[in-house]
Structures are given as C-alpha cells and as structure tokens.
C-alpha cells in the first residue's frame, strides 16, 4: 500500500508515504520538542543528559538509543526537581501522535 507502519516504543504510527521511502532500510521520526512529555507508565526509554532553563521553558537533553533529542517542558517551577534526573532513565510520551512526520534517512 501507500502506508508505512512504524513502531517507536509503545507507539505505532501509520503514515502515508511514497515508494522511495518504502525502499529505505531506515527512516527518521521527527517529533517537535514541545510534543514530548515525561511519563510514568508508557512511552519510550531515554536517558537524561542535561537539564537547562531556556527562556520560559525547561529543556531536557536526552539520549534515545544512539540519538540525542531535546524536550521542552513548560513548568519551570519543576526545574530543580528535574535537574536531579540527569544520568537517569526516564520514559517519554508523545503528546499528539498526529504531529509525527517521516523523512528519508
């Protein structure tokens, strides 16, 4: 078909694609940093590398497999609490699965 099924952690995505992407062995999943949030139960595993204040957001830098990602959280009052997560494993949840795009690797 014209669709690709992709599983990332606990998430399964079905996205419209073309023949060129279907012939690739790997694809990248692009998720906006503000569409990720911390989760206690479901999601995918990551290791927190750094926690910083950036304007009105807390920026978490995390490692997922061999990739580094950034997560932007709005609750700056939790900064000191989140700073304690550096070096620890966490779960990340995608807020809105419809905002995921697939591109050629």
C-alpha atoms as a PDB file:
ATOM      1  CA  UNK A   1       0.000   0.000   0.000  1.00  0.00           C
ATOM      2  CA  UNK A   2       0.923   3.661   0.223  1.00  0.00           C
ATOM      3  CA  UNK A   3       1.303   3.437   4.008  1.00  0.00           C
ATOM      4  CA  UNK A   4       4.177   2.680   6.309  1.00  0.00           C
ATOM      5  CA  UNK A   5       3.661   1.215   9.784  1.00  0.00           C
ATOM      6  CA  UNK A   6       6.328   2.275  12.256  1.00  0.00           C
ATOM      7  CA  UNK A   7       6.724   1.240  15.881  1.00  0.00           C
ATOM      8  CA  UNK A   8       8.588   3.543  18.300  1.00  0.00           C
ATOM      9  CA  UNK A   9       8.497   2.373  21.913  1.00  0.00           C
ATOM     10  CA  UNK A  10       4.831   1.871  22.810  1.00  0.00           C
ATOM     11  CA  UNK A  11       3.659   3.872  19.777  1.00  0.00           C
ATOM     12  CA  UNK A  12       2.611   2.545  16.390  1.00  0.00           C
ATOM     13  CA  UNK A  13       2.218   5.024  13.557  1.00  0.00           C
ATOM     14  CA  UNK A  14       0.579   4.586  10.197  1.00  0.00           C
ATOM     15  CA  UNK A  15       1.648   7.244   7.760  1.00  0.00           C
ATOM     16  CA  UNK A  16       1.165   7.869   4.087  1.00  0.00           C
ATOM     17  CA  UNK A  17       4.442   7.538   2.213  1.00  0.00           C
ATOM     18  CA  UNK A  18       5.902   7.045  -1.229  1.00  0.00           C
ATOM     19  CA  UNK A  19       7.820   4.230  -2.918  1.00  0.00           C
ATOM     20  CA  UNK A  20      11.208   5.890  -2.340  1.00  0.00           C
ATOM     21  CA  UNK A  21      10.826   5.840   1.454  1.00  0.00           C
ATOM     22  CA  UNK A  22       9.437   2.294   1.389  1.00  0.00           C
ATOM     23  CA  UNK A  23      12.647   1.113  -0.303  1.00  0.00           C
ATOM     24  CA  UNK A  24      14.819   2.544   2.514  1.00  0.00           C
ATOM     25  CA  UNK A  25      16.013   0.307   5.361  1.00  0.00           C
ATOM     26  CA  UNK A  26      15.843   3.105   7.938  1.00  0.00           C
ATOM     27  CA  UNK A  27      13.749   6.202   8.451  1.00  0.00           C
ATOM     28  CA  UNK A  28      13.880   9.051  10.954  1.00  0.00           C
ATOM     29  CA  UNK A  29      10.979  10.054  13.136  1.00  0.00           C
ATOM     30  CA  UNK A  30      10.726  13.800  13.641  1.00  0.00           C
ATOM     31  CA  UNK A  31       8.860  14.967  16.708  1.00  0.00           C
ATOM     32  CA  UNK A  32       8.734  18.581  17.810  1.00  0.00           C
ATOM     33  CA  UNK A  33      10.471  19.018  21.201  1.00  0.00           C
ATOM     34  CA  UNK A  34       7.328  20.523  22.751  1.00  0.00           C
ATOM     35  CA  UNK A  35       5.272  17.459  21.723  1.00  0.00           C
ATOM     36  CA  UNK A  36       7.114  15.201  24.174  1.00  0.00           C
ATOM     37  CA  UNK A  37       6.426  14.873  27.872  1.00  0.00           C
ATOM     38  CA  UNK A  38       7.624  12.754  30.765  1.00  0.00           C
ATOM     39  CA  UNK A  39       5.576   9.667  31.544  1.00  0.00           C
ATOM     40  CA  UNK A  40       5.419   7.240  34.449  1.00  0.00           C
ATOM     41  CA  UNK A  41       3.963   4.256  32.601  1.00  0.00           C
ATOM     42  CA  UNK A  42       4.092   4.215  28.810  1.00  0.00           C
ATOM     43  CA  UNK A  43       6.264   5.659  26.084  1.00  0.00           C
ATOM     44  CA  UNK A  44       9.831   5.038  25.083  1.00  0.00           C
ATOM     45  CA  UNK A  45      13.007   4.933  27.161  1.00  0.00           C
ATOM     46  CA  UNK A  46      15.547   7.754  27.249  1.00  0.00           C
ATOM     47  CA  UNK A  47      18.483   8.786  29.423  1.00  0.00           C
ATOM     48  CA  UNK A  48      18.620  12.405  30.600  1.00  0.00           C
ATOM     49  CA  UNK A  49      21.909  14.055  29.608  1.00  0.00           C
ATOM     50  CA  UNK A  50      21.233  17.673  30.710  1.00  0.00           C
ATOM     51  CA  UNK A  51      18.515  19.949  32.109  1.00  0.00           C
ATOM     52  CA  UNK A  52      18.638  23.690  31.332  1.00  0.00           C
ATOM     53  CA  UNK A  53      16.431  26.754  31.520  1.00  0.00           C
ATOM     54  CA  UNK A  54      15.789  28.232  28.064  1.00  0.00           C
ATOM     55  CA  UNK A  55      13.609  31.357  28.108  1.00  0.00           C
ATOM     56  CA  UNK A  56      10.263  30.256  29.589  1.00  0.00           C
ATOM     57  CA  UNK A  57      10.913  26.528  29.204  1.00  0.00           C
ATOM     58  CA  UNK A  58      12.913  23.729  30.749  1.00  0.00           C
ATOM     59  CA  UNK A  59      14.982  21.991  28.099  1.00  0.00           C
ATOM     60  CA  UNK A  60      15.849  18.340  28.709  1.00  0.00           C
ATOM     61  CA  UNK A  61      18.525  16.835  26.503  1.00  0.00           C
ATOM     62  CA  UNK A  62      18.165  13.079  26.392  1.00  0.00           C
ATOM     63  CA  UNK A  63      19.611  10.100  24.597  1.00  0.00           C
ATOM     64  CA  UNK A  64      17.298   7.604  22.891  1.00  0.00           C
ATOM     65  CA  UNK A  65      19.290   4.629  21.563  1.00  0.00           C
ATOM     66  CA  UNK A  66      22.187   6.378  19.797  1.00  0.00           C
ATOM     67  CA  UNK A  67      20.267   9.607  19.080  1.00  0.00           C
ATOM     68  CA  UNK A  68      20.131  12.796  21.116  1.00  0.00           C
ATOM     69  CA  UNK A  69      16.829  14.642  21.460  1.00  0.00           C
ATOM     70  CA  UNK A  70      15.558  17.801  23.135  1.00  0.00           C
ATOM     71  CA  UNK A  71      12.334  18.061  25.112  1.00  0.00           C
ATOM     72  CA  UNK A  72      10.778  21.383  26.084  1.00  0.00           C
ATOM     73  CA  UNK A  73       8.659  21.450  29.244  1.00  0.00           C
ATOM     74  CA  UNK A  74       6.561  24.419  30.318  1.00  0.00           C
ATOM     75  CA  UNK A  75       6.610  24.020  34.103  1.00  0.00           C
ATOM     76  CA  UNK A  76       9.733  25.987  35.016  1.00  0.00           C
ATOM     77  CA  UNK A  77       8.828  25.663  38.708  1.00  0.00           C
ATOM     78  CA  UNK A  78       9.925  21.978  38.400  1.00  0.00           C
ATOM     79  CA  UNK A  79      13.467  22.901  37.253  1.00  0.00           C
ATOM     80  CA  UNK A  80      15.309  21.875  40.445  1.00  0.00           C
ATOM     81  CA  UNK A  81      13.340  18.639  40.675  1.00  0.00           C
ATOM     82  CA  UNK A  82      14.076  17.770  37.028  1.00  0.00           C
ATOM     83  CA  UNK A  83      17.777  18.612  37.434  1.00  0.00           C
ATOM     84  CA  UNK A  84      18.003  15.504  39.642  1.00  0.00           C
ATOM     85  CA  UNK A  85      17.137  13.327  36.614  1.00  0.00           C
ATOM     86  CA  UNK A  86      20.498  13.891  34.886  1.00  0.00           C
ATOM     87  CA  UNK A  87      22.049  10.485  34.219  1.00  0.00           C
ATOM     88  CA  UNK A  88      18.804   8.620  34.948  1.00  0.00           C
ATOM     89  CA  UNK A  89      16.496   6.683  32.640  1.00  0.00           C
ATOM     90  CA  UNK A  90      13.049   8.121  32.001  1.00  0.00           C
ATOM     91  CA  UNK A  91      10.002   7.390  29.858  1.00  0.00           C
ATOM     92  CA  UNK A  92       8.894   9.860  27.204  1.00  0.00           C
ATOM     93  CA  UNK A  93       5.391  10.120  25.833  1.00  0.00           C
ATOM     94  CA  UNK A  94       4.287  11.757  22.583  1.00  0.00           C
ATOM     95  CA  UNK A  95       1.510  14.284  23.271  1.00  0.00           C
ATOM     96  CA  UNK A  96      -0.028  14.270  19.817  1.00  0.00           C
ATOM     97  CA  UNK A  97       0.717  11.310  17.562  1.00  0.00           C
ATOM     98  CA  UNK A  98      -0.652  13.176  14.536  1.00  0.00           C
ATOM     99  CA  UNK A  99       2.337  15.540  14.564  1.00  0.00           C
ATOM    100  CA  UNK A 100       4.855  12.881  13.563  1.00  0.00           C
ATOM    101  CA  UNK A 101       6.423  13.008  10.112  1.00  0.00           C
ATOM    102  CA  UNK A 102       8.612  10.524   8.288  1.00  0.00           C
ATOM    103  CA  UNK A 103      11.514  11.509   6.083  1.00  0.00           C
ATOM    104  CA  UNK A 104      14.233   9.677   4.251  1.00  0.00           C
ATOM    105  CA  UNK A 105      17.252   8.695   6.410  1.00  0.00           C
END
